[in-house]
PDB file of N, CA and C in Angstrom:
ATOM      1  N   UNK A   1       0.154   0.962 -32.662  1.00  0.00           N
ATOM      2  CA  UNK A   1      -0.609   1.139 -31.436  1.00  0.00           C
ATOM      3  C   UNK A   1       0.284   1.857 -30.423  1.00  0.00           C
ATOM      4  N   UNK A   2      -0.257   2.889 -29.815  1.00  0.00           N
ATOM      5  CA  UNK A   2       0.556   3.618 -28.849  1.00  0.00           C
ATOM      6  C   UNK A   2       0.345   3.101 -27.426  1.00  0.00           C
ATOM      7  N   UNK A   3       1.130   3.663 -26.518  1.00  0.00           N
ATOM      8  CA  UNK A   3       1.110   3.174 -25.128  1.00  0.00           C
ATOM      9  C   UNK A   3      -0.244   3.381 -24.443  1.00  0.00           C
ATOM     10  N   UNK A   4      -1.008   4.358 -24.892  1.00  0.00           N
ATOM     11  CA  UNK A   4      -2.319   4.582 -24.266  1.00  0.00           C
ATOM     12  C   UNK A   4      -3.306   3.473 -24.615  1.00  0.00           C
ATOM     13  N   UNK A   5      -3.228   2.942 -25.834  1.00  0.00           N
ATOM     14  CA  UNK A   5      -4.082   1.809 -26.184  1.00  0.00           C
ATOM     15  C   UNK A   5      -3.641   0.558 -25.435  1.00  0.00           C
ATOM     16  N   UNK A   6      -2.355   0.430 -25.189  1.00  0.00           N
ATOM     17  CA  UNK A   6      -1.869  -0.705 -24.388  1.00  0.00           C
ATOM     18  C   UNK A   6      -2.469  -0.623 -22.982  1.00  0.00           C
ATOM     19  N   UNK A   7      -2.570   0.577 -22.438  1.00  0.00           N
ATOM     20  CA  UNK A   7      -3.206   0.754 -21.120  1.00  0.00           C
ATOM     21  C   UNK A   7      -4.654   0.271 -21.138  1.00  0.00           C
ATOM     22  N   UNK A   8      -5.361   0.562 -22.229  1.00  0.00           N
ATOM     23  CA  UNK A   8      -6.761   0.128 -22.338  1.00  0.00           C
ATOM     24  C   UNK A   8      -6.843  -1.400 -22.348  1.00  0.00           C
ATOM     25  N   UNK A   9      -5.954  -2.053 -23.109  1.00  0.00           N
ATOM     26  CA  UNK A   9      -5.972  -3.513 -23.184  1.00  0.00           C
ATOM     27  C   UNK A   9      -5.611  -4.150 -21.842  1.00  0.00           C
ATOM     28  N   UNK A  10      -4.637  -3.573 -21.144  1.00  0.00           N
ATOM     29  CA  UNK A  10      -4.283  -4.098 -19.818  1.00  0.00           C
ATOM     30  C   UNK A  10      -5.431  -3.862 -18.835  1.00  0.00           C
ATOM     31  N   UNK A  11      -6.071  -2.700 -18.932  1.00  0.00           N
ATOM     32  CA  UNK A  11      -7.228  -2.414 -18.076  1.00  0.00           C
ATOM     33  C   UNK A  11      -8.344  -3.424 -18.310  1.00  0.00           C
ATOM     34  N   UNK A  12      -8.586  -3.770 -19.566  1.00  0.00           N
ATOM     35  CA  UNK A  12      -9.625  -4.765 -19.881  1.00  0.00           C
ATOM     36  C   UNK A  12      -9.245  -6.135 -19.335  1.00  0.00           C
ATOM     37  N   UNK A  13      -7.954  -6.465 -19.383  1.00  0.00           N
ATOM     38  CA  UNK A  13      -7.467  -7.729 -18.824  1.00  0.00           C
ATOM     39  C   UNK A  13      -7.782  -7.796 -17.331  1.00  0.00           C
ATOM     40  N   UNK A  14      -7.510  -6.718 -16.607  1.00  0.00           N
ATOM     41  CA  UNK A  14      -7.807  -6.696 -15.174  1.00  0.00           C
ATOM     42  C   UNK A  14      -9.308  -6.638 -14.909  1.00  0.00           C
ATOM     43  N   UNK A  15     -10.068  -6.074 -15.852  1.00  0.00           N
ATOM     44  CA  UNK A  15     -11.522  -6.063 -15.694  1.00  0.00           C
ATOM     45  C   UNK A  15     -12.070  -7.488 -15.617  1.00  0.00           C
ATOM     46  N   UNK A  16     -11.515  -8.366 -16.430  1.00  0.00           N
ATOM     47  CA  UNK A  16     -11.950  -9.772 -16.401  1.00  0.00           C
ATOM     48  C   UNK A  16     -11.768 -10.341 -15.000  1.00  0.00           C
ATOM     49  N   UNK A  17     -10.627 -10.054 -14.373  1.00  0.00           N
ATOM     50  CA  UNK A  17     -10.364 -10.574 -13.027  1.00  0.00           C
ATOM     51  C   UNK A  17     -11.336 -10.025 -11.996  1.00  0.00           C
ATOM     52  N   UNK A  18     -11.616  -8.720 -12.060  1.00  0.00           N
ATOM     53  CA  UNK A  18     -12.499  -8.205 -11.011  1.00  0.00           C
ATOM     54  C   UNK A  18     -13.944  -8.604 -11.226  1.00  0.00           C
ATOM     55  N   UNK A  19     -14.378  -8.746 -12.472  1.00  0.00           N
ATOM     56  CA  UNK A  19     -15.749  -9.198 -12.708  1.00  0.00           C
ATOM     57  C   UNK A  19     -15.920 -10.633 -12.214  1.00  0.00           C
ATOM     58  N   UNK A  20     -14.959 -11.490 -12.524  1.00  0.00           N
ATOM     59  CA  UNK A  20     -15.010 -12.869 -12.027  1.00  0.00           C
ATOM     60  C   UNK A  20     -14.901 -12.873 -10.502  1.00  0.00           C
ATOM     61  N   UNK A  21     -14.063 -11.995  -9.966  1.00  0.00           N
ATOM     62  CA  UNK A  21     -13.913 -11.902  -8.516  1.00  0.00           C
ATOM     63  C   UNK A  21     -15.201 -11.512  -7.824  1.00  0.00           C
ATOM     64  N   UNK A  22     -15.984 -10.616  -8.430  1.00  0.00           N
ATOM     65  CA  UNK A  22     -17.253 -10.227  -7.817  1.00  0.00           C
ATOM     66  C   UNK A  22     -18.197 -11.417  -7.683  1.00  0.00           C
ATOM     67  N   UNK A  23     -18.095 -12.354  -8.619  1.00  0.00           N
ATOM     68  CA  UNK A  23     -18.981 -13.523  -8.572  1.00  0.00           C
ATOM     69  C   UNK A  23     -18.432 -14.628  -7.677  1.00  0.00           C
ATOM     70  N   UNK A  24     -17.127 -14.832  -7.692  1.00  0.00           N
ATOM     71  CA  UNK A  24     -16.556 -16.023  -7.060  1.00  0.00           C
ATOM     72  C   UNK A  24     -15.774 -15.762  -5.770  1.00  0.00           C
ATOM     73  N   UNK A  25     -15.522 -14.514  -5.412  1.00  0.00           N
ATOM     74  CA  UNK A  25     -14.748 -14.240  -4.201  1.00  0.00           C
ATOM     75  C   UNK A  25     -15.538 -14.669  -2.966  1.00  0.00           C
ATOM     76  N   UNK A  26     -14.863 -15.412  -2.087  1.00  0.00           N
ATOM     77  CA  UNK A  26     -15.546 -15.896  -0.891  1.00  0.00           C
ATOM     78  C   UNK A  26     -14.687 -15.826   0.364  1.00  0.00           C
ATOM     79  N   UNK A  27     -13.547 -15.148   0.269  1.00  0.00           N
ATOM     80  CA  UNK A  27     -12.709 -14.971   1.456  1.00  0.00           C
ATOM     81  C   UNK A  27     -11.969 -13.642   1.358  1.00  0.00           C
ATOM     82  N   UNK A  28     -11.265 -13.299   2.399  1.00  0.00           N
ATOM     83  CA  UNK A  28     -10.581 -12.012   2.478  1.00  0.00           C
ATOM     84  C   UNK A  28      -9.602 -11.807   1.330  1.00  0.00           C
ATOM     85  N   UNK A  29      -8.783 -12.806   1.023  1.00  0.00           N
ATOM     86  CA  UNK A  29      -7.752 -12.642  -0.012  1.00  0.00           C
ATOM     87  C   UNK A  29      -8.356 -12.538  -1.398  1.00  0.00           C
ATOM     88  N   UNK A  30      -9.413 -13.264  -1.671  1.00  0.00           N
ATOM     89  CA  UNK A  30     -10.083 -13.159  -2.970  1.00  0.00           C
ATOM     90  C   UNK A  30     -10.699 -11.772  -3.139  1.00  0.00           C
ATOM     91  N   UNK A  31     -11.310 -11.259  -2.065  1.00  0.00           N
ATOM     92  CA  UNK A  31     -11.874  -9.910  -2.141  1.00  0.00           C
ATOM     93  C   UNK A  31     -10.781  -8.856  -2.258  1.00  0.00           C
ATOM     94  N   UNK A  32      -9.672  -9.058  -1.595  1.00  0.00           N
ATOM     95  CA  UNK A  32      -8.553  -8.120  -1.709  1.00  0.00           C
ATOM     96  C   UNK A  32      -8.038  -8.083  -3.139  1.00  0.00           C
ATOM     97  N   UNK A  33      -7.874  -9.251  -3.746  1.00  0.00           N
ATOM     98  CA  UNK A  33      -7.441  -9.311  -5.144  1.00  0.00           C
ATOM     99  C   UNK A  33      -8.438  -8.649  -6.080  1.00  0.00           C
ATOM    100  N   UNK A  34      -9.720  -8.843  -5.808  1.00  0.00           N
ATOM    101  CA  UNK A  34     -10.763  -8.222  -6.621  1.00  0.00           C
ATOM    102  C   UNK A  34     -10.689  -6.702  -6.528  1.00  0.00           C
ATOM    103  N   UNK A  35     -10.508  -6.181  -5.336  1.00  0.00           N
ATOM    104  CA  UNK A  35     -10.424  -4.731  -5.143  1.00  0.00           C
ATOM    105  C   UNK A  35      -9.182  -4.165  -5.824  1.00  0.00           C
ATOM    106  N   UNK A  36      -8.068  -4.871  -5.730  1.00  0.00           N
ATOM    107  CA  UNK A  36      -6.848  -4.428  -6.406  1.00  0.00           C
ATOM    108  C   UNK A  36      -7.046  -4.424  -7.920  1.00  0.00           C
ATOM    109  N   UNK A  37      -7.704  -5.451  -8.451  1.00  0.00           N
ATOM    110  CA  UNK A  37      -7.965  -5.517  -9.890  1.00  0.00           C
ATOM    111  C   UNK A  37      -8.880  -4.370 -10.332  1.00  0.00           C
ATOM    112  N   UNK A  38      -9.877  -4.027  -9.504  1.00  0.00           N
ATOM    113  CA  UNK A  38     -10.749  -2.889  -9.822  1.00  0.00           C
ATOM    114  C   UNK A  38      -9.929  -1.613  -9.893  1.00  0.00           C
ATOM    115  N   UNK A  39      -9.079  -1.404  -8.911  1.00  0.00           N
ATOM    116  CA  UNK A  39      -8.264  -0.195  -8.874  1.00  0.00           C
ATOM    117  C   UNK A  39      -7.357  -0.107 -10.105  1.00  0.00           C
ATOM    118  N   UNK A  40      -6.626  -1.163 -10.401  1.00  0.00           N
ATOM    119  CA  UNK A  40      -5.708  -1.156 -11.550  1.00  0.00           C
ATOM    120  C   UNK A  40      -6.478  -0.928 -12.839  1.00  0.00           C
ATOM    121  N   UNK A  41      -7.584  -1.627 -12.983  1.00  0.00           N
ATOM    122  CA  UNK A  41      -8.386  -1.537 -14.196  1.00  0.00           C
ATOM    123  C   UNK A  41      -8.874  -0.111 -14.448  1.00  0.00           C
ATOM    124  N   UNK A  42      -9.489   0.487 -13.456  1.00  0.00           N
ATOM    125  CA  UNK A  42     -10.026   1.827 -13.635  1.00  0.00           C
ATOM    126  C   UNK A  42      -8.930   2.884 -13.713  1.00  0.00           C
ATOM    127  N   UNK A  43      -7.856   2.705 -12.978  1.00  0.00           N
ATOM    128  CA  UNK A  43      -6.751   3.650 -13.059  1.00  0.00           C
ATOM    129  C   UNK A  43      -6.187   3.707 -14.480  1.00  0.00           C
ATOM    130  N   UNK A  44      -5.921   2.537 -15.069  1.00  0.00           N
ATOM    131  CA  UNK A  44      -5.380   2.500 -16.424  1.00  0.00           C
ATOM    132  C   UNK A  44      -6.378   3.054 -17.441  1.00  0.00           C
ATOM    133  N   UNK A  45      -7.650   2.746 -17.271  1.00  0.00           N
ATOM    134  CA  UNK A  45      -8.661   3.270 -18.197  1.00  0.00           C
ATOM    135  C   UNK A  45      -8.744   4.798 -18.101  1.00  0.00           C
ATOM    136  N   UNK A  46      -8.702   5.341 -16.908  1.00  0.00           N
ATOM    137  CA  UNK A  46      -8.759   6.786 -16.721  1.00  0.00           C
ATOM    138  C   UNK A  46      -7.521   7.455 -17.310  1.00  0.00           C
ATOM    139  N   UNK A  47      -6.352   6.863 -17.101  1.00  0.00           N
ATOM    140  CA  UNK A  47      -5.122   7.431 -17.664  1.00  0.00           C
ATOM    141  C   UNK A  47      -5.151   7.421 -19.194  1.00  0.00           C
ATOM    142  N   UNK A  48      -5.664   6.361 -19.782  1.00  0.00           N
ATOM    143  CA  UNK A  48      -5.773   6.292 -21.242  1.00  0.00           C
ATOM    144  C   UNK A  48      -6.788   7.312 -21.744  1.00  0.00           C
ATOM    145  N   UNK A  49      -7.855   7.518 -20.992  1.00  0.00           N
ATOM    146  CA  UNK A  49      -8.890   8.462 -21.379  1.00  0.00           C
ATOM    147  C   UNK A  49      -8.432   9.906 -21.376  1.00  0.00           C
ATOM    148  N   UNK A  50      -7.321  10.190 -20.725  1.00  0.00           N
ATOM    149  CA  UNK A  50      -6.778  11.547 -20.747  1.00  0.00           C
ATOM    150  C   UNK A  50      -6.151  11.887 -22.093  1.00  0.00           C
ATOM    151  N   UNK A  51      -5.742  10.870 -22.832  1.00  0.00           N
ATOM    152  CA  UNK A  51      -5.076  11.098 -24.121  1.00  0.00           C
ATOM    153  C   UNK A  51      -5.903  10.629 -25.316  1.00  0.00           C
ATOM    154  N   UNK A  52      -6.848   9.749 -25.099  1.00  0.00           N
ATOM    155  CA  UNK A  52      -7.657   9.172 -26.176  1.00  0.00           C
ATOM    156  C   UNK A  52      -9.112   9.566 -25.978  1.00  0.00           C
ATOM    157  N   UNK A  53      -9.930   9.465 -27.015  1.00  0.00           N
ATOM    158  CA  UNK A  53     -11.357   9.769 -26.864  1.00  0.00           C
ATOM    159  C   UNK A  53     -12.015   8.850 -25.835  1.00  0.00           C
ATOM    160  N   UNK A  54     -12.641   9.446 -24.851  1.00  0.00           N
ATOM    161  CA  UNK A  54     -13.175   8.703 -23.717  1.00  0.00           C
ATOM    162  C   UNK A  54     -14.239   7.685 -24.143  1.00  0.00           C
ATOM    163  N   UNK A  55     -15.108   8.055 -25.056  1.00  0.00           N
ATOM    164  CA  UNK A  55     -16.149   7.129 -25.501  1.00  0.00           C
ATOM    165  C   UNK A  55     -15.578   5.874 -26.137  1.00  0.00           C
ATOM    166  N   UNK A  56     -14.554   6.053 -26.949  1.00  0.00           N
ATOM    167  CA  UNK A  56     -13.916   4.906 -27.597  1.00  0.00           C
ATOM    168  C   UNK A  56     -13.166   4.063 -26.575  1.00  0.00           C
ATOM    169  N   UNK A  57     -12.460   4.722 -25.663  1.00  0.00           N
ATOM    170  CA  UNK A  57     -11.739   3.993 -24.618  1.00  0.00           C
ATOM    171  C   UNK A  57     -12.707   3.133 -23.821  1.00  0.00           C
ATOM    172  N   UNK A  58     -13.822   3.711 -23.417  1.00  0.00           N
ATOM    173  CA  UNK A  58     -14.786   2.964 -22.607  1.00  0.00           C
ATOM    174  C   UNK A  58     -15.395   1.811 -23.401  1.00  0.00           C
ATOM    175  N   UNK A  59     -15.729   2.047 -24.671  1.00  0.00           N
ATOM    176  CA  UNK A  59     -16.316   0.986 -25.501  1.00  0.00           C
ATOM    177  C   UNK A  59     -15.344  -0.174 -25.677  1.00  0.00           C
ATOM    178  N   UNK A  60     -14.084   0.129 -25.931  1.00  0.00           N
ATOM    179  CA  UNK A  60     -13.077  -0.926 -26.095  1.00  0.00           C
ATOM    180  C   UNK A  60     -12.872  -1.663 -24.770  1.00  0.00           C
ATOM    181  N   UNK A  61     -12.769  -0.921 -23.695  1.00  0.00           N
ATOM    182  CA  UNK A  61     -12.585  -1.487 -22.355  1.00  0.00           C
ATOM    183  C   UNK A  61     -13.714  -2.463 -22.018  1.00  0.00           C
ATOM    184  N   UNK A  62     -14.949  -2.023 -22.189  1.00  0.00           N
ATOM    185  CA  UNK A  62     -16.104  -2.860 -21.848  1.00  0.00           C
ATOM    186  C   UNK A  62     -16.238  -4.043 -22.809  1.00  0.00           C
ATOM    187  N   UNK A  63     -16.022  -3.795 -24.094  1.00  0.00           N
ATOM    188  CA  UNK A  63     -16.146  -4.875 -25.074  1.00  0.00           C
ATOM    189  C   UNK A  63     -15.129  -5.982 -24.840  1.00  0.00           C
ATOM    190  N   UNK A  64     -13.871  -5.610 -24.648  1.00  0.00           N
ATOM    191  CA  UNK A  64     -12.844  -6.618 -24.387  1.00  0.00           C
ATOM    192  C   UNK A  64     -13.054  -7.305 -23.039  1.00  0.00           C
ATOM    193  N   UNK A  65     -13.465  -6.530 -22.046  1.00  0.00           N
ATOM    194  CA  UNK A  65     -13.743  -7.123 -20.732  1.00  0.00           C
ATOM    195  C   UNK A  65     -14.899  -8.102 -20.775  1.00  0.00           C
ATOM    196  N   UNK A  66     -15.930  -7.757 -21.516  1.00  0.00           N
ATOM    197  CA  UNK A  66     -17.080  -8.654 -21.661  1.00  0.00           C
ATOM    198  C   UNK A  66     -16.680  -9.947 -22.353  1.00  0.00           C
ATOM    199  N   UNK A  67     -15.968  -9.815 -23.459  1.00  0.00           N
ATOM    200  CA  UNK A  67     -15.522 -11.004 -24.198  1.00  0.00           C
ATOM    201  C   UNK A  67     -14.613 -11.869 -23.332  1.00  0.00           C
ATOM    202  N   UNK A  68     -13.671 -11.239 -22.645  1.00  0.00           N
ATOM    203  CA  UNK A  68     -12.758 -11.992 -21.781  1.00  0.00           C
ATOM    204  C   UNK A  68     -13.482 -12.698 -20.647  1.00  0.00           C
ATOM    205  N   UNK A  69     -14.469 -12.030 -20.074  1.00  0.00           N
ATOM    206  CA  UNK A  69     -15.229 -12.635 -18.983  1.00  0.00           C
ATOM    207  C   UNK A  69     -16.036 -13.837 -19.470  1.00  0.00           C
ATOM    208  N   UNK A  70     -16.694 -13.701 -20.608  1.00  0.00           N
ATOM    209  CA  UNK A  70     -17.489 -14.805 -21.155  1.00  0.00           C
ATOM    210  C   UNK A  70     -16.588 -16.004 -21.462  1.00  0.00           C
ATOM    211  N   UNK A  71     -15.465 -15.755 -22.137  1.00  0.00           N
ATOM    212  CA  UNK A  71     -14.563 -16.860 -22.472  1.00  0.00           C
ATOM    213  C   UNK A  71     -13.957 -17.493 -21.218  1.00  0.00           C
ATOM    214  N   UNK A  72     -13.634 -16.686 -20.224  1.00  0.00           N
ATOM    215  CA  UNK A  72     -13.090 -17.223 -18.968  1.00  0.00           C
ATOM    216  C   UNK A  72     -14.115 -18.088 -18.241  1.00  0.00           C
ATOM    217  N   UNK A  73     -15.348 -17.633 -18.210  1.00  0.00           N
ATOM    218  CA  UNK A  73     -16.402 -18.417 -17.560  1.00  0.00           C
ATOM    219  C   UNK A  73     -16.578 -19.768 -18.253  1.00  0.00           C
ATOM    220  N   UNK A  74     -16.488 -19.779 -19.580  1.00  0.00           N
ATOM    221  CA  UNK A  74     -16.621 -21.039 -20.323  1.00  0.00           C
ATOM    222  C   UNK A  74     -15.420 -21.943 -20.056  1.00  0.00           C
ATOM    223  N   UNK A  75     -14.219 -21.381 -20.116  1.00  0.00           N
ATOM    224  CA  UNK A  75     -13.004 -22.187 -19.983  1.00  0.00           C
ATOM    225  C   UNK A  75     -12.731 -22.665 -18.555  1.00  0.00           C
ATOM    226  N   UNK A  76     -12.996 -21.803 -17.569  1.00  0.00           N
ATOM    227  CA  UNK A  76     -12.557 -22.112 -16.212  1.00  0.00           C
ATOM    228  C   UNK A  76     -13.667 -22.435 -15.215  1.00  0.00           C
ATOM    229  N   UNK A  77     -14.903 -22.045 -15.517  1.00  0.00           N
ATOM    230  CA  UNK A  77     -15.951 -22.175 -14.511  1.00  0.00           C
ATOM    231  C   UNK A  77     -17.160 -22.986 -14.975  1.00  0.00           C
ATOM    232  N   UNK A  78     -17.022 -23.700 -16.068  1.00  0.00           N
ATOM    233  CA  UNK A  78     -18.064 -24.624 -16.485  1.00  0.00           C
ATOM    234  C   UNK A  78     -19.314 -24.004 -17.071  1.00  0.00           C
ATOM    235  N   UNK A  79     -19.241 -22.762 -17.481  1.00  0.00           N
ATOM    236  CA  UNK A  79     -20.388 -22.134 -18.153  1.00  0.00           C
ATOM    237  C   UNK A  79     -20.638 -22.890 -19.460  1.00  0.00           C
ATOM    238  N   UNK A  80     -21.879 -23.176 -19.797  1.00  0.00           N
ATOM    239  CA  UNK A  80     -22.144 -23.935 -21.029  1.00  0.00           C
ATOM    240  C   UNK A  80     -21.703 -23.168 -22.278  1.00  0.00           C
ATOM    241  N   UNK A  81     -21.112 -23.894 -23.206  1.00  0.00           N
ATOM    242  CA  UNK A  81     -20.686 -23.329 -24.488  1.00  0.00           C
ATOM    243  C   UNK A  81     -21.894 -23.267 -25.407  1.00  0.00           C
ATOM    244  N   UNK A  82     -22.198 -22.079 -25.886  1.00  0.00           N
ATOM    245  CA  UNK A  82     -23.311 -21.903 -26.814  1.00  0.00           C
ATOM    246  C   UNK A  82     -22.794 -21.149 -28.030  1.00  0.00           C
ATOM    247  N   UNK A  83     -23.041 -21.695 -29.199  1.00  0.00           N
ATOM    248  CA  UNK A  83     -22.572 -21.082 -30.441  1.00  0.00           C
ATOM    249  C   UNK A  83     -23.133 -19.671 -30.589  1.00  0.00           C
ATOM    250  N   UNK A  84     -24.387 -19.482 -30.209  1.00  0.00           N
ATOM    251  CA  UNK A  84     -25.013 -18.167 -30.323  1.00  0.00           C
ATOM    252  C   UNK A  84     -24.269 -17.126 -29.481  1.00  0.00           C
ATOM    253  N   UNK A  85     -23.884 -17.526 -28.288  1.00  0.00           N
ATOM    254  CA  UNK A  85     -23.171 -16.617 -27.393  1.00  0.00           C
ATOM    255  C   UNK A  85     -21.820 -16.227 -27.998  1.00  0.00           C
ATOM    256  N   UNK A  86     -21.100 -17.200 -28.531  1.00  0.00           N
ATOM    257  CA  UNK A  86     -19.791 -16.925 -29.139  1.00  0.00           C
ATOM    258  C   UNK A  86     -19.958 -16.036 -30.367  1.00  0.00           C
ATOM    259  N   UNK A  87     -20.957 -16.295 -31.173  1.00  0.00           N
ATOM    260  CA  UNK A  87     -21.211 -15.475 -32.359  1.00  0.00           C
ATOM    261  C   UNK A  87     -21.494 -14.022 -31.963  1.00  0.00           C
ATOM    262  N   UNK A  88     -22.304 -13.827 -30.943  1.00  0.00           N
ATOM    263  CA  UNK A  88     -22.612 -12.473 -30.489  1.00  0.00           C
ATOM    264  C   UNK A  88     -21.378 -11.776 -29.906  1.00  0.00           C
ATOM    265  N   UNK A  89     -20.538 -12.509 -29.189  1.00  0.00           N
ATOM    266  CA  UNK A  89     -19.290 -11.927 -28.677  1.00  0.00           C
ATOM    267  C   UNK A  89     -18.385 -11.528 -29.837  1.00  0.00           C
ATOM    268  N   UNK A  90     -18.311 -12.359 -30.870  1.00  0.00           N
ATOM    269  CA  UNK A  90     -17.490 -12.023 -32.046  1.00  0.00           C
ATOM    270  C   UNK A  90     -18.019 -10.778 -32.760  1.00  0.00           C
ATOM    271  N   UNK A  91     -19.333 -10.627 -32.824  1.00  0.00           N
ATOM    272  CA  UNK A  91     -19.919  -9.413 -33.399  1.00  0.00           C
ATOM    273  C   UNK A  91     -19.550  -8.200 -32.543  1.00  0.00           C
ATOM    274  N   UNK A  92     -19.628  -8.357 -31.222  1.00  0.00           N
ATOM    275  CA  UNK A  92     -19.234  -7.284 -30.308  1.00  0.00           C
ATOM    276  C   UNK A  92     -17.776  -6.896 -30.526  1.00  0.00           C
ATOM    277  N   UNK A  93     -16.895  -7.893 -30.618  1.00  0.00           N
ATOM    278  CA  UNK A  93     -15.477  -7.611 -30.831  1.00  0.00           C
ATOM    279  C   UNK A  93     -15.234  -6.955 -32.190  1.00  0.00           C
ATOM    280  N   UNK A  94     -15.977  -7.356 -33.215  1.00  0.00           N
ATOM    281  CA  UNK A  94     -15.836  -6.714 -34.528  1.00  0.00           C
ATOM    282  C   UNK A  94     -16.200  -5.233 -34.438  1.00  0.00           C
ATOM    283  N   UNK A  95     -17.247  -4.919 -33.692  1.00  0.00           N
ATOM    284  CA  UNK A  95     -17.619  -3.522 -33.493  1.00  0.00           C
ATOM    285  C   UNK A  95     -16.561  -2.741 -32.727  1.00  0.00           C
ATOM    286  N   UNK A  96     -16.012  -3.347 -31.697  1.00  0.00           N
ATOM    287  CA  UNK A  96     -14.965  -2.695 -30.908  1.00  0.00           C
ATOM    288  C   UNK A  96     -13.717  -2.450 -31.761  1.00  0.00           C
ATOM    289  N   UNK A  97     -13.316  -3.453 -32.531  1.00  0.00           N
ATOM    290  CA  UNK A  97     -12.150  -3.298 -33.397  1.00  0.00           C
ATOM    291  C   UNK A  97     -12.416  -2.221 -34.449  1.00  0.00           C
ATOM    292  N   UNK A  98     -13.598  -2.233 -35.027  1.00  0.00           N
ATOM    293  CA  UNK A  98     -13.947  -1.205 -36.001  1.00  0.00           C
ATOM    294  C   UNK A  98     -13.913   0.184 -35.400  1.00  0.00           C
ATOM    295  N   UNK A  99     -14.433   0.331 -34.197  1.00  0.00           N
ATOM    296  CA  UNK A  99     -14.415   1.619 -33.509  1.00  0.00           C
ATOM    297  C   UNK A  99     -12.994   2.083 -33.255  1.00  0.00           C
ATOM    298  N   UNK A 100     -12.157   1.161 -32.845  1.00  0.00           N
ATOM    299  CA  UNK A 100     -10.753   1.493 -32.587  1.00  0.00           C
ATOM    300  C   UNK A 100     -10.057   1.912 -33.878  1.00  0.00           C
ATOM    301  N   UNK A 101     -10.354   1.246 -34.987  1.00  0.00           N
ATOM    302  CA  UNK A 101      -9.699   1.549 -36.257  1.00  0.00           C
ATOM    303  C   UNK A 101     -10.086   2.917 -36.814  1.00  0.00           C
ATOM    304  N   UNK A 102     -11.292   3.370 -36.545  1.00  0.00           N
ATOM    305  CA  UNK A 102     -11.715   4.661 -37.088  1.00  0.00           C
ATOM    306  C   UNK A 102     -11.487   5.822 -36.128  1.00  0.00           C
ATOM    307  N   UNK A 103     -10.919   5.550 -34.966  1.00  0.00           N
ATOM    308  CA  UNK A 103     -10.674   6.597 -33.981  1.00  0.00           C
ATOM    309  C   UNK A 103      -9.268   7.156 -34.132  1.00  0.00           C
ATOM    310  N   UNK A 104      -9.178   8.464 -34.157  1.00  0.00           N
ATOM    311  CA  UNK A 104      -7.894   9.145 -34.244  1.00  0.00           C
ATOM    312  C   UNK A 104      -7.178   9.008 -32.900  1.00  0.00           C
ATOM    313  N   UNK A 105      -5.910   8.571 -32.931  1.00  0.00           N
ATOM    314  CA  UNK A 105      -5.163   8.315 -31.699  1.00  0.00           C
ATOM    315  C   UNK A 105      -4.598   9.569 -31.039  1.00  0.00           C
ATOM    316  N   UNK A 106      -4.243  10.547 -31.792  1.00  0.00           N
ATOM    317  CA  UNK A 106      -3.532  11.682 -31.214  1.00  0.00           C
ATOM    318  C   UNK A 106      -4.492  12.713 -30.637  1.00  0.00           C
ATOM    319  N   UNK A 107      -3.995  13.414 -29.636  1.00  0.00           N
ATOM    320  CA  UNK A 107      -4.745  14.508 -29.003  1.00  0.00           C
ATOM    321  C   UNK A 107      -4.303  15.785 -29.687  1.00  0.00           C
ATOM    322  N   UNK A 108      -5.241  16.663 -30.077  1.00  0.00           N
ATOM    323  CA  UNK A 108      -4.856  17.932 -30.719  1.00  0.00           C
ATOM    324  C   UNK A 108      -3.923  18.758 -29.833  1.00  0.00           C
ATOM    325  N   UNK A 109      -3.042  19.496 -30.465  1.00  0.00           N
ATOM    326  CA  UNK A 109      -2.074  20.351 -29.770  1.00  0.00           C
ATOM    327  C   UNK A 109      -2.793  21.259 -28.786  1.00  0.00           C
ATOM    328  N   UNK A 110      -2.312  21.315 -27.570  1.00  0.00           N
ATOM    329  CA  UNK A 110      -2.874  22.171 -26.542  1.00  0.00           C
ATOM    330  C   UNK A 110      -3.964  21.511 -25.706  1.00  0.00           C
ATOM    331  N   UNK A 111      -4.415  20.316 -26.099  1.00  0.00           N
ATOM    332  CA  UNK A 111      -5.447  19.621 -25.353  1.00  0.00           C
ATOM    333  C   UNK A 111      -4.889  18.638 -24.335  1.00  0.00           C
ATOM    334  N   UNK A 112      -3.562  18.550 -24.241  1.00  0.00           N
ATOM    335  CA  UNK A 112      -2.966  17.585 -23.309  1.00  0.00           C
ATOM    336  C   UNK A 112      -3.244  18.010 -21.887  1.00  0.00           C
ATOM    337  N   UNK A 113      -3.339  17.020 -21.033  1.00  0.00           N
ATOM    338  CA  UNK A 113      -3.599  17.299 -19.608  1.00  0.00           C
ATOM    339  C   UNK A 113      -2.316  17.142 -18.851  1.00  0.00           C
TER     340      UNK A 113
END
């Protein structure tokens, strides 16, 4: 895995924070943290998209962010645990992993930005 995929995973990690922040922020500092998480998340995703296929980057970003948000809501915010929901998230993650595995990592010569 190269450094650009690491950027995508870190971006997805911060996506979980800003999505939860949009729901639970109720004061200045919580909103400030949410805005910072949005900035970091999108900045890293955009930087990774300069070197990797944008469609795959976005799919991985959203898939991991969705899974992380669902699991965080269950673990930290009392969202009910439903087997169906977990099964569907696992199917989503299988698709994201499959997409990542079939995507070529390198940018063709001369296409660098």
